[in-house]
Amino acid sequence: MNPEPAAQPDHEGVTPDRLLHTGACEEVTAEDLVLASGRDLTPETIEWARRRLAERGRSAIEEQLP
């Protein structure tokens, strides 16, 4: 038996806002887009992602995510 009580979360099952991160403030990289599309990181897929980001901007990755 463990003599110490189990640690209790301080947020009652709801993740506090200070712990949530969407990445909305960060720049999307070609590598991010390749990984979001489910492809392997290769020179060809990174170049594809660079072109796509240049054409569509941030919406390129939003199209890949549910």
Protein backbone atom coordinates (compact mmCIF):
# COMPACT_ATOMS: atom_id res chain seq x y z
CA MET A 1 0.00 0.00 0.00
CA ASN A 2 1.07 3.51 -0.74
CA PRO A 3 0.88 5.67 2.42
CA GLU A 4 0.56 8.89 0.40
CA PRO A 5 -2.85 9.87 -0.99
CA ALA A 6 -3.23 10.07 -4.75
CA ALA A 7 -2.52 13.51 -6.17
CA GLN A 8 -5.68 15.44 -6.91
CA PRO A 9 -5.87 17.61 -10.02
CA ASP A 10 -6.40 21.29 -9.33
CA HIS A 11 -8.90 21.74 -12.16
CA GLU A 12 -11.68 19.20 -11.57
CA GLY A 13 -11.32 17.41 -14.94
CA VAL A 14 -11.37 20.56 -17.09
CA THR A 15 -8.13 21.68 -18.70
CA PRO A 16 -7.41 25.25 -17.65
CA ASP A 17 -6.97 27.83 -20.42
CA ARG A 18 -3.35 28.45 -19.42
CA LEU A 19 -2.53 24.87 -20.50
CA LEU A 20 -4.32 24.93 -23.86
CA HIS A 21 -2.26 25.72 -26.94
CA THR A 22 -3.52 25.84 -30.52
CA GLY A 23 -0.40 27.09 -32.26
CA ALA A 24 -2.45 29.89 -33.76
CA CYS A 25 0.26 32.43 -32.98
CA GLU A 26 3.12 30.46 -34.47
CA GLU A 27 4.17 30.36 -38.11
CA VAL A 28 3.32 27.16 -39.97
CA THR A 29 6.38 25.50 -41.47
CA ALA A 30 6.62 23.28 -44.51
CA GLU A 31 7.51 20.42 -42.17
CA ASP A 32 4.30 21.04 -40.18
CA LEU A 33 2.24 20.82 -43.36
CA VAL A 34 3.95 17.63 -44.53
CA LEU A 35 3.35 15.93 -41.18
CA ALA A 36 -0.26 17.16 -40.99
CA SER A 37 -0.88 15.66 -44.42
CA GLY A 38 0.37 12.25 -43.23
CA ARG A 39 3.35 12.21 -45.57
CA ASP A 40 6.98 11.45 -44.83
CA LEU A 41 9.50 14.27 -44.58
CA THR A 42 11.44 14.10 -47.84
CA PRO A 43 12.94 16.84 -49.99
CA GLU A 44 10.05 16.40 -52.44
CA THR A 45 7.27 16.65 -49.86
CA ILE A 46 8.90 19.63 -48.17
CA GLU A 47 9.10 21.41 -51.52
CA TRP A 48 5.43 20.53 -52.15
CA ALA A 49 4.54 22.02 -48.77
CA ARG A 50 6.54 25.20 -49.44
CA ARG A 51 4.68 25.73 -52.70
CA ARG A 52 1.32 25.04 -51.07
CA LEU A 53 2.04 27.46 -48.22
CA ALA A 54 3.12 30.11 -50.72
CA GLU A 55 -0.15 29.67 -52.64
CA ARG A 56 -2.62 29.28 -49.80
CA GLY A 57 -0.93 30.61 -46.69
CA ARG A 58 -2.02 29.31 -43.30
CA SER A 59 -5.22 27.85 -44.74
CA ALA A 60 -3.06 25.13 -46.35
CA ILE A 61 -2.60 23.42 -43.00
CA GLU A 62 -6.15 24.09 -41.87
CA GLU A 63 -7.34 22.09 -44.88
CA GLN A 64 -5.39 19.08 -43.57
CA LEU A 65 -6.71 19.14 -40.01
CA PRO A 66 -10.11 17.87 -38.91
